[in-house]
Every structure is written in structure tokens, then in C-alpha cells.
Amino acid sequence: MANLRDRAKMQNRWSRFKNLFFQSSGRIGRTSLFFRLFGLWWIGGLISLIPIGLSFLIDHQSGDANGAGVSTLLFSATYTVLAIVMWGSVAQLIRRLHDLGLSSYVAILYFLVVGNFFAMAFIFMTHGTDLLWRASQLAAFAVAILPLLIPGTQGANKFGPPPYDQRPKAQK
């Protein structure tokens, strides 16, 4: 009986974690977005350090071809962790766009603009002037933090009630 209760508790914890970081419906405020993205990337970064460290340890210990295969597998695990973190980041961005009253399709436009600025930064870094490289980096940074700067819509919108951190004190 205790084992069933423990299993139910673990499922409930996983469900809360999944809803907190990977759910794309609903709304999220600016401060919640900042702390969730910070936590998501921090946890993902720490988890991805484990396969990278193991890969370097295996490469250092063995000089044969088997070490390269294990190393590739471990780097694939790192990319999987980073893909999961990106999925959570996109879900949080969609929730923030919902708070602004915008559709989730705007996230595609957002990533196209930010990606374009980073591509321009790379091109200017390798072929252009230093001033253009710094200007494109600054533009990409400005667009990337834009969801953290713009306040959300007041009251309920078509995506739901206001997030917890934007409700009046009496409703909390």
C-alpha cells in the first residue's frame, strides 16, 4: 500500500514539473518567465555536463576506436538534453506570448528574427567589420529579451486569466 502511495506521489510530482516547464497553454508573467528559463537552462546545463565529462574521461583513458563510439553516444545524450531544454524554452515563450495576447505562431516569427540576427552576427564576425558584428549582436540580444520587457495584457484574455504574479493582491 505504501508503494502505491509513493508511486502516486512521484507521478504527481512529475505532472507538476511537466506542467511547470513544458506546458504551452495558459499565460506566464515576466518574472516567472525569467526564473523558469533561468532554472531550465541551469538544470539542463548541469545535466549536460555529466555526459561531456564522461566523454572526456573515456577519451582520455582509451585511445582506441571504441572510445570514439562511446564519446559520440555521450555527446548525443548532451544534444538530447539541450533539445529538451529548448522545447521547454519554446513552451515558456509561447505562454509569455499568450500573456501579451499574441498567438503561438508569433513564436516562429520570433525565432526567425533572433536566428537571423545571430546569423548576421556570425557573418559580420567572419567577413565584416567589428562595428556591424557588435550591432547585430546587440540587436539579437534586444529582440531576445523583448518578452521580458513588455508588460502583459491586463485582466483575462482569450488565453485565460492573468498569471499569478499579475493578479491583484486580493485574488492571491
N, C-alpha and C. Protein backbone atom coordinates (compact mmCIF):
# COMPACT_ATOMS: atom_id res chain seq x y z
N MET A 1 0.82 -1.19 0.00
CA MET A 1 0.00 0.00 0.00
C MET A 1 0.87 1.26 0.00
N ALA A 2 1.96 1.21 0.76
CA ALA A 2 2.86 2.37 0.80
C ALA A 2 3.55 2.56 -0.54
N ASN A 3 3.80 1.45 -1.24
CA ASN A 3 4.45 1.55 -2.54
C ASN A 3 3.54 2.25 -3.54
N LEU A 4 2.23 1.99 -3.48
CA LEU A 4 1.28 2.65 -4.37
C LEU A 4 1.19 4.15 -4.08
N ARG A 5 1.25 4.51 -2.79
CA ARG A 5 1.23 5.93 -2.43
C ARG A 5 2.49 6.63 -2.91
N ASP A 6 3.63 5.97 -2.79
CA ASP A 6 4.88 6.56 -3.27
C ASP A 6 4.85 6.74 -4.78
N ARG A 7 4.30 5.76 -5.49
CA ARG A 7 4.20 5.87 -6.94
C ARG A 7 3.27 7.02 -7.34
N ALA A 8 2.16 7.16 -6.62
CA ALA A 8 1.23 8.26 -6.90
C ALA A 8 1.88 9.61 -6.62
N LYS A 9 2.67 9.70 -5.56
CA LYS A 9 3.37 10.95 -5.26
C LYS A 9 4.37 11.29 -6.35
N MET A 10 5.11 10.30 -6.84
CA MET A 10 6.08 10.54 -7.90
C MET A 10 5.38 10.97 -9.19
N GLN A 11 4.25 10.35 -9.52
CA GLN A 11 3.51 10.75 -10.71
C GLN A 11 2.97 12.16 -10.57
N ASN A 12 2.53 12.51 -9.37
CA ASN A 12 2.03 13.86 -9.13
C ASN A 12 3.16 14.87 -9.25
N ARG A 13 4.34 14.55 -8.72
CA ARG A 13 5.49 15.46 -8.84
C ARG A 13 5.90 15.63 -10.30
N TRP A 14 5.94 14.53 -11.05
CA TRP A 14 6.31 14.62 -12.46
C TRP A 14 5.28 15.45 -13.23
N SER A 15 4.00 15.26 -12.91
CA SER A 15 2.96 16.02 -13.58
C SER A 15 3.09 17.52 -13.29
N ARG A 16 3.39 17.88 -12.05
CA ARG A 16 3.59 19.30 -11.71
C ARG A 16 4.82 19.86 -12.40
N PHE A 17 5.91 19.09 -12.45
CA PHE A 17 7.13 19.54 -13.13
C PHE A 17 6.87 19.73 -14.62
N LYS A 18 6.17 18.78 -15.23
CA LYS A 18 5.86 18.86 -16.65
C LYS A 18 4.97 20.06 -16.95
N ASN A 19 3.97 20.30 -16.12
CA ASN A 19 3.09 21.45 -16.32
C ASN A 19 3.82 22.76 -16.08
N LEU A 20 4.77 22.77 -15.17
CA LEU A 20 5.50 23.99 -14.86
C LEU A 20 6.42 24.40 -16.00
N PHE A 21 7.12 23.44 -16.60
CA PHE A 21 8.15 23.79 -17.59
C PHE A 21 7.78 23.49 -19.04
N PHE A 22 6.90 22.53 -19.32
CA PHE A 22 6.72 22.08 -20.69
C PHE A 22 5.31 22.29 -21.24
N GLN A 23 4.41 22.85 -20.46
CA GLN A 23 3.05 23.12 -20.94
C GLN A 23 3.05 24.44 -21.70
N SER A 24 2.41 24.47 -22.87
CA SER A 24 2.42 25.70 -23.66
C SER A 24 1.08 26.43 -23.63
N SER A 25 0.10 25.92 -22.94
CA SER A 25 -1.18 26.62 -22.85
C SER A 25 -1.19 27.47 -21.58
N GLY A 26 -1.97 28.52 -21.63
CA GLY A 26 -2.06 29.41 -20.49
C GLY A 26 -1.15 30.62 -20.64
N ARG A 27 -0.98 31.34 -19.54
CA ARG A 27 -0.20 32.57 -19.56
C ARG A 27 0.88 32.53 -18.48
N ILE A 28 1.93 33.32 -18.69
CA ILE A 28 3.02 33.41 -17.73
C ILE A 28 3.51 34.85 -17.71
N GLY A 29 3.84 35.35 -16.53
CA GLY A 29 4.31 36.72 -16.39
C GLY A 29 5.80 36.86 -16.67
N ARG A 30 6.27 38.11 -16.60
CA ARG A 30 7.67 38.37 -16.93
C ARG A 30 8.64 37.76 -15.93
N THR A 31 8.36 37.93 -14.64
CA THR A 31 9.29 37.41 -13.64
C THR A 31 9.30 35.88 -13.64
N SER A 32 8.12 35.29 -13.79
CA SER A 32 8.06 33.82 -13.85
C SER A 32 8.81 33.30 -15.07
N LEU A 33 8.68 34.00 -16.20
CA LEU A 33 9.41 33.59 -17.40
C LEU A 33 10.91 33.62 -17.14
N PHE A 34 11.39 34.71 -16.55
CA PHE A 34 12.83 34.83 -16.29
C PHE A 34 13.33 33.70 -15.41
N PHE A 35 12.64 33.45 -14.29
CA PHE A 35 13.12 32.43 -13.36
C PHE A 35 12.94 31.02 -13.90
N ARG A 36 11.88 30.77 -14.66
CA ARG A 36 11.72 29.44 -15.24
C ARG A 36 12.77 29.17 -16.31
N LEU A 37 13.03 30.15 -17.16
CA LEU A 37 14.08 29.94 -18.17
C LEU A 37 15.44 29.80 -17.53
N PHE A 38 15.71 30.61 -16.52
CA PHE A 38 16.99 30.50 -15.81
C PHE A 38 17.14 29.11 -15.18
N GLY A 39 16.09 28.65 -14.51
CA GLY A 39 16.15 27.33 -13.89
C GLY A 39 16.26 26.21 -14.90
N LEU A 40 15.51 26.34 -15.99
CA LEU A 40 15.53 25.31 -17.03
C LEU A 40 16.92 25.20 -17.66
N TRP A 41 17.52 26.33 -18.01
CA TRP A 41 18.86 26.29 -18.62
C TRP A 41 19.93 25.90 -17.61
N TRP A 42 19.75 26.28 -16.36
CA TRP A 42 20.73 25.91 -15.33
C TRP A 42 20.71 24.40 -15.11
N ILE A 43 19.52 23.84 -14.94
CA ILE A 43 19.40 22.39 -14.74
C ILE A 43 19.89 21.64 -15.98
N GLY A 44 19.47 22.10 -17.17
CA GLY A 44 19.92 21.46 -18.41
C GLY A 44 21.42 21.53 -18.59
N GLY A 45 22.02 22.67 -18.23
CA GLY A 45 23.47 22.81 -18.33
C GLY A 45 24.20 21.87 -17.40
N LEU A 46 23.70 21.74 -16.17
CA LEU A 46 24.34 20.83 -15.23
C LEU A 46 24.19 19.37 -15.66
N ILE A 47 23.01 19.01 -16.16
CA ILE A 47 22.81 17.64 -16.61
C ILE A 47 23.66 17.34 -17.83
N SER A 48 23.81 18.31 -18.73
CA SER A 48 24.60 18.05 -19.94
C SER A 48 26.10 18.00 -19.64
N LEU A 49 26.52 18.51 -18.50
CA LEU A 49 27.94 18.40 -18.13
C LEU A 49 28.35 16.97 -17.80
N ILE A 50 27.40 16.17 -17.36
CA ILE A 50 27.72 14.78 -16.99
C ILE A 50 28.18 13.97 -18.21
N PRO A 51 27.41 13.93 -19.32
CA PRO A 51 27.92 13.17 -20.48
C PRO A 51 29.18 13.77 -21.09
N ILE A 52 29.30 15.09 -21.05
CA ILE A 52 30.51 15.72 -21.61
C ILE A 52 31.72 15.31 -20.78
N GLY A 53 31.58 15.35 -19.46
CA GLY A 53 32.69 14.94 -18.58
C GLY A 53 33.04 13.48 -18.77
N LEU A 54 32.02 12.63 -18.86
CA LEU A 54 32.28 11.20 -19.09
C LEU A 54 32.95 10.98 -20.43
N SER A 55 32.55 11.74 -21.43
CA SER A 55 33.14 11.60 -22.75
C SER A 55 34.63 11.94 -22.73
N PHE A 56 34.96 13.05 -22.08
CA PHE A 56 36.37 13.42 -22.00
C PHE A 56 37.16 12.42 -21.18
N LEU A 57 36.55 11.87 -20.13
CA LEU A 57 37.23 10.87 -19.32
C LEU A 57 37.49 9.60 -20.12
N ILE A 58 36.50 9.17 -20.89
CA ILE A 58 36.67 7.96 -21.70
C ILE A 58 37.70 8.19 -22.80
N ASP A 59 37.65 9.35 -23.46
CA ASP A 59 38.63 9.65 -24.50
C ASP A 59 40.04 9.70 -23.93
N HIS A 60 40.16 10.20 -22.72
CA HIS A 60 41.49 10.29 -22.12
C HIS A 60 42.00 8.91 -21.71
N GLN A 61 41.10 8.04 -21.23
CA GLN A 61 41.51 6.73 -20.75
C GLN A 61 41.81 5.75 -21.87
N SER A 62 41.01 5.80 -22.95
CA SER A 62 41.20 4.82 -24.02
C SER A 62 41.56 5.55 -25.32
N GLY A 63 42.54 5.06 -25.98
CA GLY A 63 42.95 5.67 -27.24
C GLY A 63 42.48 4.88 -28.44
N ASP A 64 41.59 3.90 -28.22
CA ASP A 64 41.17 3.06 -29.34
C ASP A 64 39.87 3.58 -29.95
N ALA A 65 39.39 2.88 -30.97
CA ALA A 65 38.19 3.30 -31.71
C ALA A 65 36.93 3.15 -30.87
N ASN A 66 36.91 2.25 -29.89
CA ASN A 66 35.72 2.06 -29.06
C ASN A 66 35.42 3.32 -28.24
N GLY A 67 36.44 4.01 -27.82
CA GLY A 67 36.24 5.24 -27.06
C GLY A 67 35.54 6.30 -27.88
N ALA A 68 35.83 6.35 -29.19
CA ALA A 68 35.18 7.34 -30.05
C ALA A 68 33.70 7.07 -30.18
N GLY A 69 33.30 5.80 -30.25
CA GLY A 69 31.88 5.46 -30.34
C GLY A 69 31.12 5.83 -29.07
N VAL A 70 31.71 5.55 -27.93
CA VAL A 70 31.08 5.91 -26.66
C VAL A 70 31.02 7.42 -26.53
N SER A 71 32.08 8.08 -26.95
CA SER A 71 32.11 9.54 -26.89
C SER A 71 31.01 10.15 -27.74
N THR A 72 30.80 9.62 -28.94
CA THR A 72 29.73 10.11 -29.80
C THR A 72 28.37 9.87 -29.17
N LEU A 73 28.18 8.73 -28.54
CA LEU A 73 26.93 8.43 -27.87
C LEU A 73 26.68 9.40 -26.71
N LEU A 74 27.72 9.71 -25.96
CA LEU A 74 27.56 10.63 -24.84
C LEU A 74 27.28 12.05 -25.31
N PHE A 75 27.91 12.47 -26.41
CA PHE A 75 27.60 13.79 -26.95
C PHE A 75 26.17 13.82 -27.51
N SER A 76 25.68 12.70 -28.02
CA SER A 76 24.29 12.63 -28.45
C SER A 76 23.35 12.80 -27.27
N ALA A 77 23.72 12.25 -26.13
CA ALA A 77 22.92 12.44 -24.92
C ALA A 77 22.90 13.91 -24.52
N THR A 78 24.02 14.59 -24.68
CA THR A 78 24.07 16.02 -24.37
C THR A 78 23.16 16.81 -25.28
N TYR A 79 23.17 16.49 -26.56
CA TYR A 79 22.29 17.19 -27.50
C TYR A 79 20.82 16.88 -27.21
N THR A 80 20.53 15.69 -26.74
CA THR A 80 19.16 15.35 -26.36
C THR A 80 18.71 16.20 -25.19
N VAL A 81 19.57 16.36 -24.20
CA VAL A 81 19.24 17.21 -23.04
C VAL A 81 19.01 18.65 -23.50
N LEU A 82 19.86 19.14 -24.37
CA LEU A 82 19.70 20.51 -24.84
C LEU A 82 18.44 20.67 -25.69
N ALA A 83 18.06 19.63 -26.44
CA ALA A 83 16.81 19.70 -27.21
C ALA A 83 15.60 19.75 -26.28
N ILE A 84 15.65 19.01 -25.18
CA ILE A 84 14.57 19.05 -24.20
C ILE A 84 14.48 20.43 -23.55
N VAL A 85 15.63 21.02 -23.25
CA VAL A 85 15.65 22.37 -22.68
C VAL A 85 15.10 23.38 -23.67
N MET A 86 15.44 23.23 -24.94
CA MET A 86 14.89 24.14 -25.96
C MET A 86 13.38 23.98 -26.08
N TRP A 87 12.88 22.75 -25.99
CA TRP A 87 11.45 22.51 -26.04
C TRP A 87 10.76 23.23 -24.89
N GLY A 88 11.31 23.13 -23.70
CA GLY A 88 10.75 23.83 -22.55
C GLY A 88 10.82 25.34 -22.72
N SER A 89 11.90 25.84 -23.30
CA SER A 89 12.04 27.27 -23.53
C SER A 89 11.01 27.79 -24.52
N VAL A 90 10.76 27.01 -25.57
CA VAL A 90 9.74 27.41 -26.55
C VAL A 90 8.36 27.40 -25.89
N ALA A 91 8.09 26.41 -25.04
CA ALA A 91 6.80 26.36 -24.35
C ALA A 91 6.63 27.58 -23.46
N GLN A 92 7.69 27.99 -22.76
CA GLN A 92 7.60 29.18 -21.90
C GLN A 92 7.42 30.45 -22.74
N LEU A 93 8.09 30.53 -23.87
CA LEU A 93 7.92 31.69 -24.75
C LEU A 93 6.49 31.77 -25.27
N ILE A 94 5.90 30.62 -25.62
CA ILE A 94 4.52 30.61 -26.11
C ILE A 94 3.58 31.08 -25.00
N ARG A 95 3.82 30.64 -23.78
CA ARG A 95 2.97 31.10 -22.67
C ARG A 95 3.12 32.60 -22.45
N ARG A 96 4.33 33.11 -22.62
CA ARG A 96 4.53 34.55 -22.47
C ARG A 96 3.85 35.32 -23.60
N LEU A 97 3.91 34.79 -24.81
CA LEU A 97 3.19 35.42 -25.92
C LEU A 97 1.69 35.40 -25.68
N HIS A 98 1.17 34.34 -25.07
CA HIS A 98 -0.24 34.31 -24.71
C HIS A 98 -0.56 35.42 -23.71
N ASP A 99 0.36 35.70 -22.80
CA ASP A 99 0.13 36.78 -21.84
C ASP A 99 0.09 38.14 -22.55
N LEU A 100 0.82 38.27 -23.62
CA LEU A 100 0.81 39.50 -24.40
C LEU A 100 -0.40 39.58 -25.34
N GLY A 101 -1.21 38.52 -25.38
CA GLY A 101 -2.38 38.50 -26.25
C GLY A 101 -2.07 38.06 -27.66
N LEU A 102 -0.91 37.43 -27.86
CA LEU A 102 -0.48 37.01 -29.20
C LEU A 102 -0.59 35.50 -29.34
N SER A 103 -0.74 35.05 -30.57
CA SER A 103 -0.85 33.64 -30.86
C SER A 103 0.53 32.97 -30.75
N SER A 104 0.51 31.66 -30.66
CA SER A 104 1.78 30.92 -30.58
C SER A 104 2.53 30.94 -31.90
N TYR A 105 1.86 31.30 -32.99
CA TYR A 105 2.54 31.38 -34.28
C TYR A 105 3.55 32.53 -34.32
N VAL A 106 3.39 33.48 -33.43
CA VAL A 106 4.35 34.59 -33.36
C VAL A 106 5.71 34.07 -32.89
N ALA A 107 5.73 32.93 -32.18
CA ALA A 107 7.00 32.34 -31.75
C ALA A 107 7.86 31.96 -32.94
N ILE A 108 7.25 31.51 -34.02
CA ILE A 108 8.01 31.18 -35.24
C ILE A 108 8.69 32.44 -35.77
N LEU A 109 7.93 33.53 -35.85
CA LEU A 109 8.49 34.80 -36.30
C LEU A 109 9.60 35.26 -35.36
N TYR A 110 9.38 35.09 -34.07
CA TYR A 110 10.38 35.48 -33.07
C TYR A 110 11.70 34.74 -33.30
N PHE A 111 11.63 33.41 -33.48
CA PHE A 111 12.85 32.65 -33.68
C PHE A 111 13.50 32.94 -35.03
N LEU A 112 12.70 33.25 -36.04
CA LEU A 112 13.28 33.65 -37.32
C LEU A 112 14.06 34.95 -37.19
N VAL A 113 13.50 35.92 -36.47
CA VAL A 113 14.18 37.21 -36.30
C VAL A 113 15.45 37.04 -35.47
N VAL A 114 15.35 36.36 -34.33
CA VAL A 114 16.52 36.17 -33.47
C VAL A 114 17.58 35.34 -34.19
N GLY A 115 17.16 34.27 -34.86
CA GLY A 115 18.12 33.45 -35.61
C GLY A 115 18.79 34.22 -36.73
N ASN A 116 18.02 35.08 -37.39
CA ASN A 116 18.58 35.90 -38.47
C ASN A 116 19.63 36.87 -37.92
N PHE A 117 19.34 37.47 -36.78
CA PHE A 117 20.32 38.39 -36.18
C PHE A 117 21.59 37.65 -35.76
N PHE A 118 21.45 36.44 -35.20
CA PHE A 118 22.64 35.68 -34.83
C PHE A 118 23.42 35.24 -36.07
N ALA A 119 22.72 34.89 -37.15
CA ALA A 119 23.41 34.55 -38.39
C ALA A 119 24.15 35.76 -38.95
N MET A 120 23.51 36.92 -38.88
CA MET A 120 24.19 38.14 -39.33
C MET A 120 25.41 38.42 -38.47
N ALA A 121 25.28 38.19 -37.16
CA ALA A 121 26.42 38.41 -36.27
C ALA A 121 27.58 37.50 -36.66
N PHE A 122 27.27 36.24 -37.00
CA PHE A 122 28.33 35.32 -37.40
C PHE A 122 28.97 35.75 -38.71
N ILE A 123 28.14 36.16 -39.66
CA ILE A 123 28.68 36.59 -40.96
C ILE A 123 29.54 37.83 -40.80
N PHE A 124 29.06 38.80 -40.03
CA PHE A 124 29.85 40.02 -39.84
C PHE A 124 31.12 39.74 -39.03
N MET A 125 31.05 38.75 -38.13
CA MET A 125 32.23 38.41 -37.35
C MET A 125 33.32 37.82 -38.25
N THR A 126 32.90 37.01 -39.22
CA THR A 126 33.90 36.35 -40.06
C THR A 126 34.29 37.16 -41.29
N HIS A 127 33.35 37.97 -41.82
CA HIS A 127 33.64 38.68 -43.07
C HIS A 127 33.49 40.19 -42.99
N GLY A 128 32.86 40.68 -41.95
CA GLY A 128 32.53 42.09 -41.92
C GLY A 128 33.37 42.87 -40.91
N THR A 129 32.87 44.02 -40.59
CA THR A 129 33.57 44.88 -39.65
C THR A 129 33.15 44.58 -38.24
N ASP A 130 33.94 45.02 -37.31
CA ASP A 130 33.66 44.80 -35.90
C ASP A 130 32.41 45.55 -35.47
N LEU A 131 32.19 46.73 -36.00
CA LEU A 131 31.03 47.53 -35.63
C LEU A 131 29.72 46.84 -36.04
N LEU A 132 29.67 46.30 -37.26
CA LEU A 132 28.46 45.61 -37.70
C LEU A 132 28.22 44.34 -36.89
N TRP A 133 29.30 43.64 -36.53
CA TRP A 133 29.16 42.43 -35.72
C TRP A 133 28.57 42.77 -34.36
N ARG A 134 29.08 43.81 -33.73
CA ARG A 134 28.57 44.20 -32.41
C ARG A 134 27.14 44.73 -32.51
N ALA A 135 26.82 45.44 -33.57
CA ALA A 135 25.46 45.96 -33.74
C ALA A 135 24.47 44.82 -33.93
N SER A 136 24.82 43.80 -34.70
CA SER A 136 23.89 42.69 -34.90
C SER A 136 23.76 41.86 -33.63
N GLN A 137 24.81 41.72 -32.85
CA GLN A 137 24.71 41.04 -31.56
C GLN A 137 23.80 41.80 -30.62
N LEU A 138 23.94 43.10 -30.58
CA LEU A 138 23.10 43.94 -29.73
C LEU A 138 21.64 43.84 -30.16
N ALA A 139 21.38 43.84 -31.45
CA ALA A 139 20.00 43.71 -31.95
C ALA A 139 19.41 42.35 -31.59
N ALA A 140 20.19 41.29 -31.71
CA ALA A 140 19.71 39.96 -31.35
C ALA A 140 19.41 39.88 -29.86
N PHE A 141 20.27 40.47 -29.04
CA PHE A 141 20.04 40.47 -27.60
C PHE A 141 18.79 41.27 -27.26
N ALA A 142 18.59 42.42 -27.92
CA ALA A 142 17.42 43.26 -27.64
C ALA A 142 16.13 42.53 -28.00
N VAL A 143 16.12 41.85 -29.14
CA VAL A 143 14.92 41.11 -29.54
C VAL A 143 14.71 39.91 -28.62
N ALA A 144 15.79 39.28 -28.19
CA ALA A 144 15.68 38.09 -27.34
C ALA A 144 15.09 38.43 -25.97
N ILE A 145 15.40 39.59 -25.41
CA ILE A 145 14.87 39.93 -24.09
C ILE A 145 13.57 40.72 -24.16
N LEU A 146 13.08 40.97 -25.36
CA LEU A 146 11.84 41.73 -25.52
C LEU A 146 10.66 41.14 -24.74
N PRO A 147 10.45 39.82 -24.71
CA PRO A 147 9.33 39.29 -23.92
C PRO A 147 9.46 39.58 -22.42
N LEU A 148 10.66 39.83 -21.95
CA LEU A 148 10.84 40.15 -20.53
C LEU A 148 10.55 41.62 -20.23
N LEU A 149 10.50 42.46 -21.24
CA LEU A 149 10.33 43.89 -21.03
C LEU A 149 8.90 44.38 -21.21
N ILE A 150 8.15 43.77 -22.09
CA ILE A 150 6.80 44.24 -22.41
C ILE A 150 5.82 43.68 -21.39
N PRO A 151 5.02 44.54 -20.74
CA PRO A 151 4.02 44.02 -19.79
C PRO A 151 2.89 43.30 -20.52
N GLY A 152 2.29 42.35 -19.85
CA GLY A 152 1.20 41.59 -20.44
C GLY A 152 -0.11 42.35 -20.43
N THR A 153 -1.11 41.75 -21.03
CA THR A 153 -2.43 42.39 -21.05
C THR A 153 -3.05 42.32 -19.67
N GLN A 154 -3.78 43.37 -19.32
CA GLN A 154 -4.45 43.43 -18.02
C GLN A 154 -5.73 42.61 -18.07
N GLY A 155 -5.99 41.87 -17.04
CA GLY A 155 -7.20 41.06 -16.98
C GLY A 155 -7.11 39.82 -17.85
N ALA A 156 -8.24 39.15 -17.96
CA ALA A 156 -8.28 37.92 -18.75
C ALA A 156 -8.27 38.24 -20.24
N ASN A 157 -7.65 37.40 -21.02
CA ASN A 157 -7.72 37.50 -22.48
C ASN A 157 -8.15 36.14 -23.02
N LYS A 158 -8.07 35.96 -24.33
CA LYS A 158 -8.58 34.72 -24.92
C LYS A 158 -7.76 33.49 -24.54
N PHE A 159 -6.60 33.68 -23.89
CA PHE A 159 -5.76 32.56 -23.49
C PHE A 159 -5.90 32.21 -22.02
N GLY A 160 -6.74 32.93 -21.29
CA GLY A 160 -7.00 32.58 -19.91
C GLY A 160 -6.87 33.76 -18.96
N PRO A 161 -6.99 33.47 -17.66
CA PRO A 161 -6.87 34.53 -16.66
C PRO A 161 -5.42 35.01 -16.56
N PRO A 162 -5.22 36.15 -15.92
CA PRO A 162 -3.85 36.65 -15.80
C PRO A 162 -2.99 35.70 -14.97
N PRO A 163 -1.69 35.71 -15.22
CA PRO A 163 -0.80 34.85 -14.43
C PRO A 163 -0.82 35.25 -12.96
N TYR A 164 -0.34 34.35 -12.14
CA TYR A 164 -0.38 34.56 -10.69
C TYR A 164 0.35 35.83 -10.26
N ASP A 165 1.48 36.15 -10.89
CA ASP A 165 2.25 37.31 -10.46
C ASP A 165 1.67 38.64 -10.97
N GLN A 166 0.56 38.62 -11.72
CA GLN A 166 -0.06 39.86 -12.20
C GLN A 166 -1.45 40.07 -11.60
N ARG A 167 -1.92 39.15 -10.78
CA ARG A 167 -3.25 39.31 -10.19
C ARG A 167 -3.20 40.33 -9.08
N PRO A 168 -4.33 41.01 -8.83
CA PRO A 168 -4.38 41.92 -7.69
C PRO A 168 -4.16 41.16 -6.39
N LYS A 169 -3.74 41.87 -5.36
CA LYS A 169 -3.39 41.24 -4.08
C LYS A 169 -4.55 40.45 -3.47
N ALA A 170 -5.79 40.90 -3.66
CA ALA A 170 -6.95 40.23 -3.05
C ALA A 170 -7.17 38.84 -3.65
N GLN A 171 -6.80 38.61 -4.90
CA GLN A 171 -7.03 37.31 -5.54
C GLN A 171 -5.97 36.29 -5.20
N LYS A 172 -4.80 36.72 -4.77
CA LYS A 172 -3.72 35.78 -4.45
C LYS A 172 -4.08 35.06 -3.19
